[in-house]
Protein backbone atom coordinates (compact mmCIF):
# COMPACT_ATOMS: atom_id res chain seq x y z
CA MET A 1 0.00 0.00 0.00
CA ALA A 2 1.74 3.15 -1.25
CA SER A 3 1.81 6.20 0.96
CA LEU A 4 2.38 9.75 -0.16
CA GLU A 5 5.74 9.80 1.63
CA VAL A 6 6.88 6.67 -0.22
CA VAL A 7 5.80 8.14 -3.55
CA ARG A 8 7.53 11.43 -2.78
CA SER A 9 10.72 9.55 -1.88
CA GLU A 10 10.60 7.76 -5.25
CA LEU A 11 10.91 11.06 -7.10
CA ALA A 12 14.50 11.54 -8.28
CA ASP A 13 16.54 14.62 -7.39
CA ALA A 14 15.64 16.09 -10.77
CA HIS A 15 12.09 16.31 -9.43
CA LYS A 16 12.93 17.94 -6.10
CA ASP A 17 10.57 20.86 -6.77
CA THR A 18 7.72 18.46 -7.49
CA ARG A 19 8.53 16.51 -4.33
CA LEU A 20 8.32 19.71 -2.26
CA ASN A 21 5.26 21.03 -4.09
CA LEU A 22 3.46 17.72 -3.65
CA GLN A 23 3.58 18.21 0.09
CA ALA A 24 2.82 21.94 0.02
CA VAL A 25 -0.28 21.94 -2.20
CA LEU A 26 -1.99 19.26 -0.13
CA GLU A 27 -1.72 21.23 3.10
CA GLY A 28 -4.04 24.09 3.98
CA GLY A 29 -5.20 26.51 1.33
CA SER A 30 -8.70 27.67 0.55
CA LEU A 31 -10.23 24.26 -0.19
CA THR A 32 -12.14 22.09 2.23
CA PRO A 33 -10.49 18.73 2.95
CA GLU A 34 -13.13 17.03 0.76
CA GLN A 35 -12.41 19.39 -2.12
CA ARG A 36 -8.64 19.05 -1.70
CA TRP A 37 -8.68 15.26 -1.65
CA GLY A 38 -11.33 15.00 -4.37
CA VAL A 39 -9.14 17.08 -6.66
CA ALA A 40 -6.00 15.14 -5.65
CA VAL A 41 -7.58 11.73 -6.19
CA GLY A 42 -9.30 12.76 -9.43
CA SER A 43 -6.05 14.24 -10.72
CA ALA A 44 -4.19 11.06 -9.86
CA PHE A 45 -6.76 9.01 -11.79
CA ALA A 46 -6.35 11.38 -14.74
CA ALA A 47 -2.54 11.23 -14.52
CA ARG A 48 -2.74 7.43 -14.87
CA ASN A 49 0.09 6.50 -12.53
CA GLU A 50 -0.93 3.52 -10.41
CA ARG A 51 1.39 4.22 -7.44
CA LEU A 52 0.39 7.87 -7.30
CA LYS A 53 -3.30 6.98 -7.55
CA GLU A 54 -2.99 4.42 -4.76
CA ALA A 55 -1.12 6.90 -2.56
CA MET A 56 -3.72 9.64 -3.10
CA ILE A 57 -6.57 7.24 -2.30
CA ASN A 58 -4.79 6.06 0.86
CA GLU A 59 -4.10 9.64 1.98
CA ALA A 60 -7.71 10.63 1.31
CA LYS A 61 -8.90 7.71 3.44
CA LYS A 62 -6.64 8.86 6.29
CA ALA A 63 -7.64 12.51 5.99
CA LEU A 64 -11.41 12.19 5.57
CA THR A 65 -13.97 10.64 7.89
CA ASN A 66 -16.11 9.51 4.95
CA ALA A 67 -13.70 9.23 2.02
CA GLU A 68 -15.56 6.72 -0.17
CA PRO A 69 -18.03 9.19 -1.77
CA VAL A 70 -15.18 11.61 -2.47
CA ILE A 71 -13.07 8.84 -4.05
CA GLU A 72 -15.97 7.50 -6.12
CA ASP A 73 -16.88 10.97 -7.39
CA ALA A 74 -13.22 11.56 -8.27
CA ARG A 75 -13.13 8.24 -10.15
CA ALA A 76 -16.33 9.14 -12.04
CA ALA A 77 -15.07 12.64 -12.83
CA ALA A 78 -11.82 11.26 -14.27
CA SER A 79 -13.72 8.85 -16.51
CA LEU A 80 -16.23 11.44 -17.70
CA MET A 81 -13.55 14.04 -18.36
CA GLY A 82 -11.47 11.41 -20.14
CA MET A 83 -14.36 11.22 -22.61
CA ASN A 84 -15.58 14.81 -22.65
CA ASN A 85 -12.16 16.44 -22.81
CA VAL A 86 -11.27 14.48 -25.94
CA TYR A 87 -14.61 15.18 -27.60
CA TYR A 88 -14.84 18.89 -26.79
CA ARG A 89 -11.14 19.51 -27.39
CA PHE A 90 -11.63 18.02 -30.87
CA ARG A 91 -14.59 20.29 -31.57
CA HIS A 92 -12.58 23.30 -30.46
CA MET A 93 -9.41 22.35 -32.34
CA VAL A 94 -11.09 21.47 -35.63
CA GLY A 95 -12.76 24.87 -35.63
CA LYS A 96 -15.67 24.00 -37.91
CA GLU A 97 -19.09 25.32 -37.00
CA SER A 98 -20.69 22.16 -38.43
CA TYR A 99 -19.26 20.03 -35.59
CA SER A 100 -20.54 22.47 -32.98
CA THR A 101 -24.10 21.92 -34.16
CA LYS A 102 -23.91 18.14 -33.87
CA ARG A 103 -25.37 16.47 -30.79
CA PRO A 104 -22.58 14.77 -28.80
CA GLY A 105 -24.71 11.71 -28.01
CA LEU A 106 -22.45 10.83 -25.10
CA ARG A 107 -23.97 9.63 -21.83
CA MET A 108 -23.08 11.86 -18.90
CA ASN A 109 -25.73 10.94 -16.34
CA ARG A 110 -23.15 10.68 -13.53
CA LEU A 111 -22.73 14.48 -13.68
CA ALA A 112 -26.23 14.74 -12.21
CA GLN A 113 -25.83 11.84 -9.77
CA VAL A 114 -22.94 12.92 -7.59
CA LEU A 115 -22.30 11.33 -4.20
CA THR A 116 -20.81 14.45 -2.61
CA ASN A 117 -22.17 17.71 -4.02
CA LYS A 118 -22.44 19.23 -7.47
CA VAL A 119 -20.01 22.10 -6.95
CA ASP A 120 -17.23 19.88 -5.54
CA PHE A 121 -17.75 17.38 -8.38
CA GLU A 122 -17.49 20.21 -10.91
CA LEU A 123 -14.30 21.44 -9.21
CA VAL A 124 -12.75 17.99 -9.67
CA CYS A 125 -13.90 18.03 -13.31
CA LEU A 126 -12.29 21.44 -13.75
CA ALA A 127 -8.95 20.24 -12.36
CA ILE A 128 -8.98 17.14 -14.56
CA SER A 129 -9.93 19.21 -17.60
CA ALA A 130 -6.90 21.41 -16.90
CA ILE A 131 -4.69 18.29 -16.88
CA ASN A 132 -6.26 17.09 -20.11
CA GLY A 133 -5.94 20.51 -21.74
CA CYS A 134 -9.55 21.09 -22.76
CA GLU A 135 -10.09 24.85 -22.92
CA MET A 136 -13.84 24.61 -23.47
CA CYS A 137 -14.30 22.24 -20.50
CA VAL A 138 -12.08 24.34 -18.22
CA GLN A 139 -14.12 27.44 -19.02
CA SER A 140 -17.42 25.63 -18.57
CA HIS A 141 -16.54 24.03 -15.22
CA GLU A 142 -14.92 27.23 -13.91
CA LYS A 143 -18.13 29.11 -14.63
CA VAL A 144 -20.23 26.49 -12.82
CA VAL A 145 -18.06 26.46 -9.69
CA ILE A 146 -17.86 30.25 -9.48
CA GLU A 147 -21.63 30.52 -9.93
CA GLY A 148 -21.95 27.75 -7.32
CA GLY A 149 -20.25 29.93 -4.72
CA LEU A 150 -16.57 29.00 -4.92
CA SER A 151 -13.93 31.69 -5.21
CA GLU A 152 -11.18 32.19 -7.75
CA ASP A 153 -8.74 31.33 -4.94
CA GLN A 154 -10.40 27.92 -4.60
CA VAL A 155 -10.26 27.35 -8.36
CA HIS A 156 -6.61 28.41 -8.31
CA ASP A 157 -5.79 26.02 -5.45
CA ALA A 158 -7.52 23.14 -7.24
CA VAL A 159 -5.56 23.71 -10.44
CA ARG A 160 -2.31 24.00 -8.46
CA ILE A 161 -3.01 20.57 -6.97
CA ALA A 162 -3.81 19.13 -10.39
CA SER A 163 -0.62 20.54 -11.89
CA VAL A 164 1.58 19.09 -9.15
CA ILE A 165 -0.15 15.70 -9.23
CA HIS A 166 0.45 15.61 -12.99
CA ALA A 167 4.09 16.61 -12.51
CA ALA A 168 4.52 13.86 -9.92
CA ALA A 169 3.14 11.28 -12.36
CA VAL A 170 5.61 12.48 -15.00
CA GLY A 171 8.44 12.36 -12.46
CA LEU A 172 7.57 8.85 -11.36
CA GLU A 173 7.66 7.64 -14.96
CA SER A 174 11.00 9.28 -15.82
């Protein structure tokens, strides 16, 4: 069972900044613990590094009284954004109006059936969309979370976590 400390210790000296940032972004900040660990776990799923994912899940279980809904929402968000980010990034990149008028026809029921709350789920989706580089999805989810009552500081903290989790996955693979 991987712990965050073990994963951090596996990062080579070339990734010292990532090692330090990995600790820093997961402490304090403007996010609730549920938001912080939802973003961290969802980002680890999106980064596709098994050891990092296992470590984030284990840390979330230690940090949260009721971690399972947060973990399951993070898992669902990663899967949905894996689909949506590819589809909507394509529509944006191809730049043809004709694709924008086509119905996606992709099931996304889980977006409306969250286990935690809609705004936190959308925040995880935003962080994962940033990792996956989907401009349209980032803008859409940012709008929803801001309208849902979160601040730009919270959005910023979520994306900082996502960026460091992604960097850690890259560091663990290199």
